[in-house]
PDB file of N, CA and C in Angstrom:
ATOM      1  N   UNK A   1       0.884  -1.152   0.006  1.00  0.00           N
ATOM      2  CA  UNK A   1      -0.048  -0.012   0.036  1.00  0.00           C
ATOM      3  C   UNK A   1       0.874   1.197  -0.106  1.00  0.00           C
ATOM      4  N   UNK A   2       0.631   2.018  -0.952  1.00  0.00           N
ATOM      5  CA  UNK A   2       1.385   3.348  -0.974  1.00  0.00           C
ATOM      6  C   UNK A   2       0.675   4.464  -0.230  1.00  0.00           C
ATOM      7  N   UNK A   3       1.372   5.245   0.491  1.00  0.00           N
ATOM      8  CA  UNK A   3       0.719   6.397   1.207  1.00  0.00           C
ATOM      9  C   UNK A   3       1.256   7.518   0.564  1.00  0.00           C
ATOM     10  N   UNK A   4       0.399   8.546   0.200  1.00  0.00           N
ATOM     11  CA  UNK A   4       0.853   9.806  -0.248  1.00  0.00           C
ATOM     12  C   UNK A   4       0.863  10.679   0.865  1.00  0.00           C
ATOM     13  N   UNK A   5       1.934  11.461   1.007  1.00  0.00           N
ATOM     14  CA  UNK A   5       2.051  12.400   2.051  1.00  0.00           C
ATOM     15  C   UNK A   5       1.451  13.750   1.577  1.00  0.00           C
ATOM     16  N   UNK A   6       0.627  14.450   2.306  1.00  0.00           N
ATOM     17  CA  UNK A   6       0.035  15.636   1.877  1.00  0.00           C
ATOM     18  C   UNK A   6       1.065  16.831   1.936  1.00  0.00           C
ATOM     19  N   UNK A   7       0.726  17.884   1.199  1.00  0.00           N
ATOM     20  CA  UNK A   7       1.723  19.006   1.158  1.00  0.00           C
ATOM     21  C   UNK A   7       1.702  19.630   2.560  1.00  0.00           C
ATOM     22  N   UNK A   8       0.661  19.559   3.480  1.00  0.00           N
ATOM     23  CA  UNK A   8       0.565  19.993   4.767  1.00  0.00           C
ATOM     24  C   UNK A   8       1.806  19.432   5.448  1.00  0.00           C
ATOM     25  N   UNK A   9       2.127  18.074   5.437  1.00  0.00           N
ATOM     26  CA  UNK A   9       2.912  17.454   6.134  1.00  0.00           C
ATOM     27  C   UNK A   9       4.337  17.927   5.735  1.00  0.00           C
ATOM     28  N   UNK A  10       4.520  18.032   4.290  1.00  0.00           N
ATOM     29  CA  UNK A  10       5.817  18.435   3.852  1.00  0.00           C
ATOM     30  C   UNK A  10       6.110  19.907   4.310  1.00  0.00           C
ATOM     31  N   UNK A  11       5.104  20.666   4.410  1.00  0.00           N
ATOM     32  CA  UNK A  11       5.269  22.008   4.885  1.00  0.00           C
ATOM     33  C   UNK A  11       5.710  22.192   6.408  1.00  0.00           C
ATOM     34  N   UNK A  12       5.432  21.141   7.026  1.00  0.00           N
ATOM     35  CA  UNK A  12       5.811  21.036   8.571  1.00  0.00           C
ATOM     36  C   UNK A  12       7.182  21.035   8.855  1.00  0.00           C
ATOM     37  N   UNK A  13       8.015  20.465   7.741  1.00  0.00           N
ATOM     38  CA  UNK A  13       9.447  20.464   7.968  1.00  0.00           C
ATOM     39  C   UNK A  13      10.004  21.921   7.944  1.00  0.00           C
ATOM     40  N   UNK A  14      10.498  22.270   8.931  1.00  0.00           N
ATOM     41  CA  UNK A  14      11.004  23.684   9.000  1.00  0.00           C
ATOM     42  C   UNK A  14      12.321  23.690   8.109  1.00  0.00           C
ATOM     43  N   UNK A  15      12.714  24.916   7.756  1.00  0.00           N
ATOM     44  CA  UNK A  15      13.897  25.088   6.954  1.00  0.00           C
ATOM     45  C   UNK A  15      15.074  24.484   7.664  1.00  0.00           C
ATOM     46  N   UNK A  16      15.152  24.682   8.940  1.00  0.00           N
ATOM     47  CA  UNK A  16      16.200  24.056   9.767  1.00  0.00           C
ATOM     48  C   UNK A  16      16.292  22.663   9.718  1.00  0.00           C
ATOM     49  N   UNK A  17      15.067  21.992   9.843  1.00  0.00           N
ATOM     50  CA  UNK A  17      15.031  20.597   9.949  1.00  0.00           C
ATOM     51  C   UNK A  17      15.459  19.988   8.517  1.00  0.00           C
ATOM     52  N   UNK A  18      14.996  20.742   7.468  1.00  0.00           N
ATOM     53  CA  UNK A  18      15.365  20.319   6.011  1.00  0.00           C
ATOM     54  C   UNK A  18      16.806  20.270   5.862  1.00  0.00           C
ATOM     55  N   UNK A  19      17.418  21.417   6.353  1.00  0.00           N
ATOM     56  CA  UNK A  19      18.911  21.643   6.143  1.00  0.00           C
ATOM     57  C   UNK A  19      19.657  20.423   6.970  1.00  0.00           C
ATOM     58  N   UNK A  20      19.112  20.172   8.041  1.00  0.00           N
ATOM     59  CA  UNK A  20      19.781  19.143   9.007  1.00  0.00           C
ATOM     60  C   UNK A  20      19.658  17.744   8.317  1.00  0.00           C
ATOM     61  N   UNK A  21      18.383  17.591   7.761  1.00  0.00           N
ATOM     62  CA  UNK A  21      18.259  16.296   7.141  1.00  0.00           C
ATOM     63  C   UNK A  21      19.190  16.207   5.794  1.00  0.00           C
ATOM     64  N   UNK A  22      19.243  17.262   5.012  1.00  0.00           N
ATOM     65  CA  UNK A  22      19.950  17.229   3.918  1.00  0.00           C
ATOM     66  C   UNK A  22      21.613  17.003   4.188  1.00  0.00           C
ATOM     67  N   UNK A  23      22.046  17.623   5.241  1.00  0.00           N
ATOM     68  CA  UNK A  23      23.405  17.517   5.687  1.00  0.00           C
ATOM     69  C   UNK A  23      23.774  16.144   6.199  1.00  0.00           C
ATOM     70  N   UNK A  24      22.791  15.472   6.887  1.00  0.00           N
ATOM     71  CA  UNK A  24      23.007  14.074   7.435  1.00  0.00           C
ATOM     72  C   UNK A  24      22.977  13.272   6.214  1.00  0.00           C
ATOM     73  N   UNK A  25      22.030  13.322   5.273  1.00  0.00           N
ATOM     74  CA  UNK A  25      21.971  12.504   4.059  1.00  0.00           C
ATOM     75  C   UNK A  25      23.284  12.539   3.352  1.00  0.00           C
ATOM     76  N   UNK A  26      23.736  13.895   3.059  1.00  0.00           N
ATOM     77  CA  UNK A  26      25.000  14.126   2.277  1.00  0.00           C
ATOM     78  C   UNK A  26      26.109  13.351   3.066  1.00  0.00           C
ATOM     79  N   UNK A  27      26.179  13.446   4.425  1.00  0.00           N
ATOM     80  CA  UNK A  27      27.219  12.765   5.198  1.00  0.00           C
ATOM     81  C   UNK A  27      27.206  11.216   4.872  1.00  0.00           C
ATOM     82  N   UNK A  28      26.064  10.686   4.711  1.00  0.00           N
ATOM     83  CA  UNK A  28      25.976   9.183   4.617  1.00  0.00           C
ATOM     84  C   UNK A  28      25.864   8.812   3.182  1.00  0.00           C
ATOM     85  N   UNK A  29      25.950   9.803   2.365  1.00  0.00           N
ATOM     86  CA  UNK A  29      25.850   9.496   0.735  1.00  0.00           C
ATOM     87  C   UNK A  29      24.602   9.019   0.260  1.00  0.00           C
ATOM     88  N   UNK A  30      23.457   9.349   0.850  1.00  0.00           N
ATOM     89  CA  UNK A  30      22.104   9.095   0.362  1.00  0.00           C
ATOM     90  C   UNK A  30      21.271  10.259   0.152  1.00  0.00           C
ATOM     91  N   UNK A  31      20.285  10.136  -0.551  1.00  0.00           N
ATOM     92  CA  UNK A  31      19.276  11.176  -0.840  1.00  0.00           C
ATOM     93  C   UNK A  31      18.486  11.473   0.451  1.00  0.00           C
ATOM     94  N   UNK A  32      18.240  12.733   0.708  1.00  0.00           N
ATOM     95  CA  UNK A  32      17.422  13.093   1.850  1.00  0.00           C
ATOM     96  C   UNK A  32      15.981  12.302   1.959  1.00  0.00           C
ATOM     97  N   UNK A  33      15.451  12.092   0.886  1.00  0.00           N
ATOM     98  CA  UNK A  33      14.235  11.317   0.897  1.00  0.00           C
ATOM     99  C   UNK A  33      14.390   9.905   1.262  1.00  0.00           C
ATOM    100  N   UNK A  34      15.606   9.318   0.867  1.00  0.00           N
ATOM    101  CA  UNK A  34      15.818   7.896   1.276  1.00  0.00           C
ATOM    102  C   UNK A  34      16.150   7.883   2.777  1.00  0.00           C
ATOM    103  N   UNK A  35      16.902   8.786   3.200  1.00  0.00           N
ATOM    104  CA  UNK A  35      17.099   8.921   4.716  1.00  0.00           C
ATOM    105  C   UNK A  35      15.741   9.022   5.632  1.00  0.00           C
ATOM    106  N   UNK A  36      14.962   9.917   5.076  1.00  0.00           N
ATOM    107  CA  UNK A  36      13.639  10.094   5.711  1.00  0.00           C
ATOM    108  C   UNK A  36      12.754   8.790   5.719  1.00  0.00           C
ATOM    109  N   UNK A  37      12.848   8.136   4.560  1.00  0.00           N
ATOM    110  CA  UNK A  37      12.090   6.790   4.498  1.00  0.00           C
ATOM    111  C   UNK A  37      12.691   5.834   5.458  1.00  0.00           C
ATOM    112  N   UNK A  38      13.927   5.760   5.632  1.00  0.00           N
ATOM    113  CA  UNK A  38      14.542   4.802   6.469  1.00  0.00           C
ATOM    114  C   UNK A  38      14.321   5.081   7.846  1.00  0.00           C
ATOM    115  N   UNK A  39      14.349   6.458   8.318  1.00  0.00           N
ATOM    116  CA  UNK A  39      14.033   6.742   9.686  1.00  0.00           C
ATOM    117  C   UNK A  39      12.669   6.485  10.029  1.00  0.00           C
ATOM    118  N   UNK A  40      11.621   6.692   9.113  1.00  0.00           N
ATOM    119  CA  UNK A  40      10.219   6.463   9.401  1.00  0.00           C
ATOM    120  C   UNK A  40      10.036   4.904   9.484  1.00  0.00           C
ATOM    121  N   UNK A  41      10.658   4.206   8.497  1.00  0.00           N
ATOM    122  CA  UNK A  41      10.524   2.598   8.574  1.00  0.00           C
ATOM    123  C   UNK A  41      11.025   2.113   9.837  1.00  0.00           C
ATOM    124  N   UNK A  42      12.233   2.632  10.304  1.00  0.00           N
ATOM    125  CA  UNK A  42      12.700   2.072  11.599  1.00  0.00           C
ATOM    126  C   UNK A  42      11.783   2.428  12.668  1.00  0.00           C
ATOM    127  N   UNK A  43      11.173   3.629  12.756  1.00  0.00           N
ATOM    128  CA  UNK A  43      10.333   4.086  13.886  1.00  0.00           C
ATOM    129  C   UNK A  43       9.142   3.184  13.943  1.00  0.00           C
ATOM    130  N   UNK A  44       8.427   3.000  12.769  1.00  0.00           N
ATOM    131  CA  UNK A  44       7.190   2.222  12.842  1.00  0.00           C
ATOM    132  C   UNK A  44       7.518   0.731  13.082  1.00  0.00           C
ATOM    133  N   UNK A  45       8.739   0.202  12.820  1.00  0.00           N
ATOM    134  CA  UNK A  45       8.993  -1.209  13.013  1.00  0.00           C
ATOM    135  C   UNK A  45       9.322  -1.475  14.415  1.00  0.00           C
ATOM    136  N   UNK A  46       9.513  -0.569  15.302  1.00  0.00           N
ATOM    137  CA  UNK A  46       9.711  -0.707  16.659  1.00  0.00           C
ATOM    138  C   UNK A  46       8.436  -1.012  17.387  1.00  0.00           C
ATOM    139  N   UNK A  47       8.205  -1.927  18.301  1.00  0.00           N
ATOM    140  CA  UNK A  47       7.187  -2.214  18.964  1.00  0.00           C
ATOM    141  C   UNK A  47       6.868  -1.185  20.033  1.00  0.00           C
ATOM    142  N   UNK A  48       5.662  -0.832  20.432  1.00  0.00           N
ATOM    143  CA  UNK A  48       5.385   0.173  21.400  1.00  0.00           C
ATOM    144  C   UNK A  48       5.819  -0.469  22.743  1.00  0.00           C
ATOM    145  N   UNK A  49       6.392   0.372  23.673  1.00  0.00           N
ATOM    146  CA  UNK A  49       6.832  -0.166  24.933  1.00  0.00           C
ATOM    147  C   UNK A  49       5.815  -0.774  25.778  1.00  0.00           C
ATOM    148  N   UNK A  50       4.540  -0.261  25.644  1.00  0.00           N
ATOM    149  CA  UNK A  50       3.564  -0.855  26.635  1.00  0.00           C
ATOM    150  C   UNK A  50       3.068  -2.197  25.963  1.00  0.00           C
ATOM    151  N   UNK A  51       3.194  -2.413  24.688  1.00  0.00           N
ATOM    152  CA  UNK A  51       2.934  -3.666  24.092  1.00  0.00           C
ATOM    153  C   UNK A  51       3.941  -4.761  24.557  1.00  0.00           C
ATOM    154  N   UNK A  52       5.201  -4.312  24.499  1.00  0.00           N
ATOM    155  CA  UNK A  52       6.336  -5.296  24.927  1.00  0.00           C
ATOM    156  C   UNK A  52       6.048  -5.639  26.302  1.00  0.00           C
ATOM    157  N   UNK A  53       5.697  -4.734  27.288  1.00  0.00           N
ATOM    158  CA  UNK A  53       5.509  -5.031  28.754  1.00  0.00           C
ATOM    159  C   UNK A  53       4.390  -5.983  28.825  1.00  0.00           C
ATOM    160  N   UNK A  54       3.175  -5.761  28.209  1.00  0.00           N
ATOM    161  CA  UNK A  54       2.239  -6.746  28.305  1.00  0.00           C
ATOM    162  C   UNK A  54       2.479  -8.026  27.772  1.00  0.00           C
ATOM    163  N   UNK A  55       3.111  -8.008  26.715  1.00  0.00           N
ATOM    164  CA  UNK A  55       3.580  -9.418  26.135  1.00  0.00           C
ATOM    165  C   UNK A  55       4.422 -10.156  27.078  1.00  0.00           C
ATOM    166  N   UNK A  56       5.390  -9.606  27.708  1.00  0.00           N
ATOM    167  CA  UNK A  56       6.314 -10.137  28.616  1.00  0.00           C
ATOM    168  C   UNK A  56       5.566 -10.624  29.847  1.00  0.00           C
ATOM    169  N   UNK A  57       4.600  -9.939  30.302  1.00  0.00           N
ATOM    170  CA  UNK A  57       3.784 -10.332  31.504  1.00  0.00           C
ATOM    171  C   UNK A  57       2.934 -11.492  31.114  1.00  0.00           C
ATOM    172  N   UNK A  58       2.376 -11.590  29.982  1.00  0.00           N
ATOM    173  CA  UNK A  58       1.547 -12.651  29.490  1.00  0.00           C
ATOM    174  C   UNK A  58       2.364 -13.937  29.491  1.00  0.00           C
ATOM    175  N   UNK A  59       3.582 -13.775  28.862  1.00  0.00           N
ATOM    176  CA  UNK A  59       4.534 -14.969  28.722  1.00  0.00           C
ATOM    177  C   UNK A  59       4.901 -15.503  30.102  1.00  0.00           C
ATOM    178  N   UNK A  60       5.226 -14.576  30.980  1.00  0.00           N
ATOM    179  CA  UNK A  60       5.723 -14.906  32.419  1.00  0.00           C
ATOM    180  C   UNK A  60       4.563 -15.660  33.071  1.00  0.00           C
ATOM    181  N   UNK A  61       3.373 -15.109  33.017  1.00  0.00           N
ATOM    182  CA  UNK A  61       2.249 -15.754  33.736  1.00  0.00           C
ATOM    183  C   UNK A  61       1.868 -17.147  33.145  1.00  0.00           C
ATOM    184  N   UNK A  62       2.150 -17.324  31.868  1.00  0.00           N
ATOM    185  CA  UNK A  62       1.678 -18.636  31.272  1.00  0.00           C
ATOM    186  C   UNK A  62       2.976 -19.434  31.033  1.00  0.00           C
ATOM    187  N   UNK A  63       4.050 -19.341  31.528  1.00  0.00           N
ATOM    188  CA  UNK A  63       5.315 -20.028  31.372  1.00  0.00           C
ATOM    189  C   UNK A  63       5.019 -21.508  31.531  1.00  0.00           C
ATOM    190  N   UNK A  64       4.414 -21.797  32.616  1.00  0.00           N
ATOM    191  CA  UNK A  64       4.220 -23.258  33.056  1.00  0.00           C
ATOM    192  C   UNK A  64       3.279 -23.970  31.891  1.00  0.00           C
ATOM    193  N   UNK A  65       2.258 -23.228  31.597  1.00  0.00           N
ATOM    194  CA  UNK A  65       1.449 -23.756  30.595  1.00  0.00           C
ATOM    195  C   UNK A  65       2.086 -24.054  29.329  1.00  0.00           C
ATOM    196  N   UNK A  66       2.901 -23.069  28.869  1.00  0.00           N
ATOM    197  CA  UNK A  66       3.667 -23.303  27.676  1.00  0.00           C
ATOM    198  C   UNK A  66       4.732 -24.440  27.782  1.00  0.00           C
ATOM    199  N   UNK A  67       5.318 -24.565  29.008  1.00  0.00           N
ATOM    200  CA  UNK A  67       6.288 -25.650  29.157  1.00  0.00           C
ATOM    201  C   UNK A  67       5.506 -27.068  29.079  1.00  0.00           C
ATOM    202  N   UNK A  68       4.417 -27.129  29.624  1.00  0.00           N
ATOM    203  CA  UNK A  68       3.481 -28.310  29.430  1.00  0.00           C
ATOM    204  C   UNK A  68       3.149 -28.652  28.117  1.00  0.00           C
ATOM    205  N   UNK A  69       2.791 -27.638  27.397  1.00  0.00           N
ATOM    206  CA  UNK A  69       2.285 -27.956  25.969  1.00  0.00           C
ATOM    207  C   UNK A  69       3.454 -28.168  24.963  1.00  0.00           C
ATOM    208  N   UNK A  70       4.716 -27.810  25.363  1.00  0.00           N
ATOM    209  CA  UNK A  70       5.851 -28.101  24.454  1.00  0.00           C
ATOM    210  C   UNK A  70       6.140 -29.575  24.388  1.00  0.00           C
TER     211      UNK A  70
END
């Protein structure tokens, strides 16, 4: 699924942020758009902290059941 970013979102990047993004991208030898895509992809790939805590709690509470089922 392709998501189109609105012009409003694009306008939210201040000139200073745009310059910083461009300089970092230049430092790593990539296009600013590629760096921005990579940062966003990394951000959304990380699980939310509260989900992680709940998952760990469920696993701990059910450890004996999982052991018996294995």
